Amino acid sequence: MRERFGVRSVRTRVRRGRPLALVVSLALIAFLPAGAASAADEESSCEACHRDREFLVKNKKLYDYYQQWDASVHRQEEVTCDNCHGGDPSARGEAEAHGDGVGADDPKSGVYFKNVPETCGTCHEEILESFLKSDHAEHIDAKADEDQGPTCVTCHGSIDVGVLNVNSVEAACARCHNEKTDNHPETPDRAQTILNRFLSIQRFYRYISIRAKPADAKPFFVDMDVQLSHLSQTWHTFDLDEIESETADVLAQLKVMREEIRRQRAQDRPERKAATK
């Protein structure tokens, strides 16, 4: 699956080579036969077809699907339809463009529910590694083909994705974890409580970035950013005990740093007053 949907490596190469690629492209355009440059720049057939406003009547779901992608971070990051769905965006005909395995109901598709984690993982590699350790991943494997499992899109949406926050995480978890299912109904409240602490982490982080002396802040944030990245990965194991412990540890370190900044600023205040006299 990773070989088929090699989004990250391709996009990285394109971006790093953009200045040189631009020069080469301009040079080629000057020497290409008339019409060859425009053919090379021809837009994706996915976009040309699915943005057609006739879909508002013929198939509004597909039209809305395109509009969501058009406004999404995925488009900004140059993730195209074929990166996830497969198909051939250079083909003009519908059958040729779609090929095999485009729809979510086809087990060969990258957006079929059992394949979604690997598809998303072509860019979000560390997150995938954590997710594969989780109970959620085991549930996906155990599901029958006609069922759905707790995949990335269950929580984040499929195209115009969102990051869960303290206002949305409870409802997201409660889709599966509730009194009716008797599937750890305490999970939504607990997840919300932990994310509320993460709001405190953000506030302390911002305070330190503003108030700390640059010489002190740089080594602190180098280490802290590594920890926050790891905490994001830990969230995707859905081990709430480990997430809670790691969150508390990060928050404690930020509080210590904040108090150190306050102490230092209190010491510096008389010196600044004396210097102005």
Protein backbone atom coordinates (compact mmCIF):
# COMPACT_ATOMS: atom_id res chain seq x y z
CA MET A 1 0.00 0.00 0.00
CA ARG A 2 2.80 2.44 0.82
CA GLU A 3 4.43 1.83 -2.55
CA ARG A 4 1.16 2.55 -4.33
CA PHE A 5 0.40 5.73 -2.43
CA GLY A 6 3.88 7.26 -2.12
CA VAL A 7 2.63 10.78 -1.47
CA ARG A 8 5.12 12.04 1.05
CA SER A 9 8.34 11.20 -0.79
CA VAL A 10 7.08 12.50 -4.12
CA ARG A 11 5.79 15.76 -2.67
CA THR A 12 9.01 16.36 -0.72
CA ARG A 13 11.11 15.94 -3.84
CA VAL A 14 8.88 18.29 -5.79
CA ARG A 15 9.09 21.02 -3.17
CA ARG A 16 12.80 20.84 -2.59
CA GLY A 17 13.44 21.00 -6.29
CA ARG A 18 10.96 23.76 -7.07
CA PRO A 19 13.40 26.64 -7.90
CA LEU A 20 15.49 24.45 -10.22
CA ALA A 21 12.40 22.80 -11.67
CA LEU A 22 10.98 26.21 -12.53
CA VAL A 23 14.10 27.19 -14.48
CA VAL A 24 14.15 23.88 -16.32
CA SER A 25 10.45 24.12 -17.12
CA LEU A 26 10.81 27.60 -18.57
CA ALA A 27 13.73 26.46 -20.68
CA LEU A 28 11.79 23.48 -22.00
CA ILE A 29 8.78 25.62 -22.84
CA ALA A 30 10.98 27.80 -25.04
CA PHE A 31 12.06 24.81 -27.15
CA LEU A 32 8.96 22.59 -27.08
CA PRO A 33 6.79 22.42 -30.19
CA ALA A 34 3.66 24.54 -30.14
CA GLY A 35 0.98 22.88 -28.01
CA ALA A 36 3.37 20.54 -26.18
CA ALA A 37 3.76 22.81 -23.13
CA SER A 38 0.03 23.26 -22.73
CA ALA A 39 -0.47 19.49 -22.95
CA ALA A 40 2.14 18.98 -20.21
CA ASP A 41 0.32 21.48 -18.00
CA GLU A 42 -3.12 20.01 -18.66
CA GLU A 43 -5.13 19.81 -15.47
CA SER A 44 -6.18 16.65 -13.68
CA SER A 45 -9.24 15.00 -15.19
CA CYS A 46 -10.45 14.44 -11.61
CA GLU A 47 -10.70 18.19 -11.07
CA ALA A 48 -12.01 18.97 -14.53
CA CYS A 49 -14.88 16.53 -14.10
CA HIS A 50 -15.83 16.66 -10.44
CA ARG A 51 -15.92 20.44 -10.11
CA ASP A 52 -18.62 20.60 -12.80
CA ARG A 53 -21.64 22.31 -11.26
CA GLU A 54 -23.91 19.82 -13.02
CA PHE A 55 -22.99 17.47 -10.18
CA LEU A 56 -25.14 19.66 -7.93
CA VAL A 57 -28.08 18.01 -9.65
CA LYS A 58 -26.63 14.72 -10.91
CA ASN A 59 -24.72 13.75 -7.77
CA LYS A 60 -24.53 16.39 -5.06
CA LYS A 61 -22.55 14.10 -2.77
CA LEU A 62 -19.71 13.94 -5.30
CA TYR A 63 -19.91 17.69 -5.90
CA ASP A 64 -19.67 18.41 -2.16
CA TYR A 65 -16.82 15.92 -1.93
CA TYR A 66 -14.84 17.92 -4.47
CA GLN A 67 -15.65 21.24 -2.78
CA GLN A 68 -14.40 19.89 0.56
CA TRP A 69 -11.12 18.87 -1.03
CA ASP A 70 -10.80 22.21 -2.84
CA ALA A 71 -10.92 24.07 0.49
CA SER A 72 -8.86 21.56 2.46
CA VAL A 73 -5.36 21.41 3.87
CA HIS A 74 -4.87 18.38 1.66
CA ARG A 75 -5.14 20.52 -1.45
CA GLN A 76 -2.79 23.10 0.10
CA GLU A 77 -0.30 20.28 0.67
CA GLU A 78 -0.72 19.09 -2.94
CA VAL A 79 -2.38 15.81 -2.02
CA THR A 80 -4.46 14.97 -5.09
CA CYS A 81 -7.41 12.65 -5.64
CA ASP A 82 -5.34 9.82 -7.10
CA ASN A 83 -2.91 9.89 -4.16
CA CYS A 84 -5.66 8.38 -2.01
CA HIS A 85 -8.25 6.96 -4.41
CA GLY A 86 -5.96 5.70 -7.15
CA GLY A 87 -7.07 6.05 -10.76
CA ASP A 88 -5.41 7.92 -13.62
CA PRO A 89 -5.81 11.73 -13.55
CA SER A 90 -4.26 12.03 -17.02
CA ALA A 91 -6.99 9.92 -18.66
CA ARG A 92 -9.90 11.75 -20.25
CA GLY A 93 -12.58 9.06 -20.17
CA GLU A 94 -14.44 8.21 -16.97
CA ALA A 95 -13.73 4.47 -17.10
CA GLU A 96 -10.03 4.99 -17.85
CA ALA A 97 -9.67 7.72 -15.20
CA HIS A 98 -11.39 5.69 -12.51
CA GLY A 99 -9.77 2.34 -13.31
CA ASP A 100 -10.07 -0.17 -10.48
CA GLY A 101 -10.33 0.57 -6.81
CA VAL A 102 -11.51 4.19 -6.68
CA GLY A 103 -14.64 3.96 -4.53
CA ALA A 104 -14.75 3.42 -0.78
CA ASP A 105 -16.77 0.22 -1.22
CA ASP A 106 -14.02 -1.47 -3.25
CA PRO A 107 -11.52 -3.49 -1.13
CA LYS A 108 -8.79 -2.57 -3.65
CA SER A 109 -9.28 1.15 -3.00
CA GLY A 110 -7.01 3.20 -0.77
CA VAL A 111 -10.12 4.69 0.84
CA TYR A 112 -11.74 1.35 1.64
CA PHE A 113 -12.07 1.41 5.43
CA LYS A 114 -9.52 -1.34 6.10
CA ASN A 115 -6.98 0.45 3.88
CA VAL A 116 -7.53 3.98 5.22
CA PRO A 117 -4.83 3.87 7.94
CA GLU A 118 -2.14 2.79 5.45
CA THR A 119 -3.30 5.42 2.96
CA CYS A 120 -3.15 8.20 5.55
CA GLY A 121 0.11 6.74 6.83
CA THR A 122 1.92 7.46 3.57
CA CYS A 123 2.23 11.03 4.88
CA HIS A 124 1.54 10.58 8.60
CA GLU A 125 4.06 7.80 9.18
CA GLU A 126 4.71 8.24 12.91
CA ILE A 127 0.98 8.53 13.62
CA LEU A 128 0.35 5.30 11.70
CA GLU A 129 3.00 3.48 13.75
CA SER A 130 1.21 4.49 16.94
CA PHE A 131 -2.23 3.72 15.56
CA LEU A 132 -1.22 0.19 14.57
CA LYS A 133 -0.45 -0.49 18.25
CA SER A 134 -3.96 0.50 19.32
CA ASP A 135 -7.16 -1.38 20.03
CA HIS A 136 -8.76 0.64 17.25
CA ALA A 137 -6.47 -1.00 14.70
CA GLU A 138 -7.38 -4.43 16.06
CA HIS A 139 -11.07 -3.61 15.68
CA ILE A 140 -10.56 -2.73 12.02
CA ASP A 141 -8.89 -6.05 11.35
CA ALA A 142 -11.69 -7.89 13.12
CA LYS A 143 -14.50 -6.19 11.21
CA ALA A 144 -16.32 -7.94 8.39
CA ASP A 145 -16.11 -6.35 4.97
CA GLU A 146 -19.60 -4.90 5.17
CA ASP A 147 -18.91 -3.25 8.54
CA GLN A 148 -16.95 -0.15 9.38
CA GLY A 149 -14.14 0.20 11.86
CA PRO A 150 -12.66 3.11 13.84
CA THR A 151 -10.34 4.53 11.18
CA CYS A 152 -8.68 7.93 10.79
CA VAL A 153 -11.78 9.37 9.10
CA THR A 154 -14.00 8.31 12.01
CA CYS A 155 -12.45 11.05 14.13
CA HIS A 156 -10.89 13.46 11.64
CA GLY A 157 -13.14 13.35 8.59
CA SER A 158 -12.03 12.19 5.18
CA ILE A 159 -10.95 15.25 3.17
CA ASP A 160 -11.35 18.62 4.90
CA VAL A 161 -9.90 17.12 8.05
CA GLY A 162 -10.00 18.63 11.51
CA VAL A 163 -7.97 18.20 14.68
CA LEU A 164 -10.04 17.19 17.67
CA ASN A 165 -10.11 19.72 20.50
CA VAL A 166 -11.69 20.07 23.90
CA ASN A 167 -15.01 21.10 22.29
CA SER A 168 -15.23 18.25 19.78
CA VAL A 169 -13.46 15.24 21.28
CA GLU A 170 -16.31 14.18 23.57
CA ALA A 171 -18.81 13.88 20.71
CA ALA A 172 -16.26 12.08 18.53
CA CYS A 173 -15.50 9.44 21.18
CA ALA A 174 -19.17 9.07 22.11
CA ARG A 175 -20.01 7.72 18.64
CA CYS A 176 -18.64 4.39 19.83
CA HIS A 177 -18.08 4.84 23.57
CA ASN A 178 -21.46 5.38 25.21
CA GLU A 179 -23.94 3.83 27.63
CA LYS A 180 -25.88 2.13 24.83
CA THR A 181 -22.87 0.22 23.52
CA ASP A 182 -21.43 -0.22 27.02
CA ASN A 183 -18.04 0.18 25.34
CA HIS A 184 -16.00 2.12 27.91
CA PRO A 185 -18.62 4.88 28.26
CA GLU A 186 -16.25 6.83 30.50
CA THR A 187 -13.86 7.44 27.60
CA PRO A 188 -15.46 10.66 26.17
CA ASP A 189 -15.34 12.53 29.50
CA ARG A 190 -11.85 11.33 30.23
CA ALA A 191 -10.53 12.32 26.80
CA GLN A 192 -12.09 15.76 27.18
CA THR A 193 -10.46 16.24 30.59
CA ILE A 194 -7.03 15.33 29.23
CA LEU A 195 -7.41 17.64 26.23
CA ASN A 196 -8.45 20.42 28.59
CA ARG A 197 -5.07 20.03 30.27
CA PHE A 198 -3.52 20.28 26.84
CA LEU A 199 -5.05 23.76 26.59
CA SER A 200 -2.98 24.63 29.66
CA ILE A 201 0.09 23.26 27.91
CA GLN A 202 -0.57 25.61 25.00
CA ARG A 203 -0.98 28.60 27.31
CA PHE A 204 2.23 27.88 29.22
CA TYR A 205 4.08 27.25 25.95
CA ARG A 206 2.95 30.63 24.60
CA TYR A 207 3.88 32.44 27.84
CA ILE A 208 7.38 30.95 27.83
CA SER A 209 7.93 31.73 24.15
CA ILE A 210 7.13 35.40 24.86
CA ARG A 211 8.76 35.91 28.25
CA ALA A 212 11.82 33.67 28.27
CA LYS A 213 15.25 34.94 27.34
CA PRO A 214 16.24 33.61 23.91
CA ALA A 215 19.35 31.88 25.26
CA ASP A 216 17.22 30.00 27.80
CA ALA A 217 14.24 29.39 25.52
CA LYS A 218 16.02 27.76 22.58
CA PRO A 219 17.34 24.60 24.30
CA PHE A 220 14.12 24.30 26.30
CA PHE A 221 11.92 24.38 23.22
CA VAL A 222 14.15 22.00 21.28
CA ASP A 223 13.46 19.38 23.94
CA MET A 224 9.84 20.40 24.52
CA ASP A 225 8.91 20.22 20.83
CA VAL A 226 10.21 16.65 20.70
CA GLN A 227 8.05 15.76 23.70
CA LEU A 228 4.95 17.40 22.22
CA SER A 229 5.46 15.56 18.95
CA HIS A 230 5.72 12.29 20.87
CA LEU A 231 2.58 13.17 22.84
CA SER A 232 0.70 13.59 19.57
CA GLN A 233 1.83 10.13 18.55
CA THR A 234 0.88 8.69 21.95
CA TRP A 235 -2.66 10.03 21.51
CA HIS A 236 -3.04 7.72 18.51
CA THR A 237 -2.39 4.63 20.63
CA PHE A 238 -5.57 5.60 22.54
CA ASP A 239 -3.95 4.41 25.75
CA LEU A 240 -5.52 7.03 28.01
CA ASP A 241 -3.41 6.04 31.01
CA GLU A 242 -0.21 6.68 29.08
CA ILE A 243 -1.59 9.85 27.46
CA GLU A 244 -2.63 11.23 30.84
CA SER A 245 0.76 10.48 32.39
CA GLU A 246 2.68 12.02 29.49
CA THR A 247 0.43 15.11 29.47
CA ALA A 248 0.95 15.63 33.21
CA ASP A 249 4.73 15.32 32.82
CA VAL A 250 4.89 17.88 30.02
CA LEU A 251 2.63 20.26 31.92
CA ALA A 252 4.81 19.97 35.04
CA GLN A 253 7.95 20.87 33.05
CA LEU A 254 6.25 23.92 31.56
CA LYS A 255 5.14 25.09 35.00
CA VAL A 256 8.69 24.79 36.34
CA MET A 257 9.98 26.85 33.42
CA ARG A 258 7.29 29.46 33.92
CA GLU A 259 8.22 29.88 37.59
CA GLU A 260 11.89 30.18 36.64
CA ILE A 261 11.04 32.96 34.20
CA ARG A 262 8.99 34.78 36.84
CA ARG A 263 11.81 34.48 39.36
CA GLN A 264 14.34 35.79 36.86
CA ARG A 265 12.11 38.70 35.84
CA ALA A 266 11.59 39.62 39.51
CA GLN A 267 15.38 39.71 39.99
CA ASP A 268 15.90 41.79 36.88
CA ARG A 269 13.26 44.37 37.78
CA PRO A 270 15.31 46.24 40.49
CA GLU A 271 18.33 46.23 38.17
CA ARG A 272 16.29 47.82 35.38
CA LYS A 273 14.94 50.46 37.76
CA ALA A 274 18.46 51.28 38.99
CA ALA A 275 19.71 51.59 35.43
CA THR A 276 17.07 54.19 34.59
CA LYS A 277 17.99 56.48 37.52
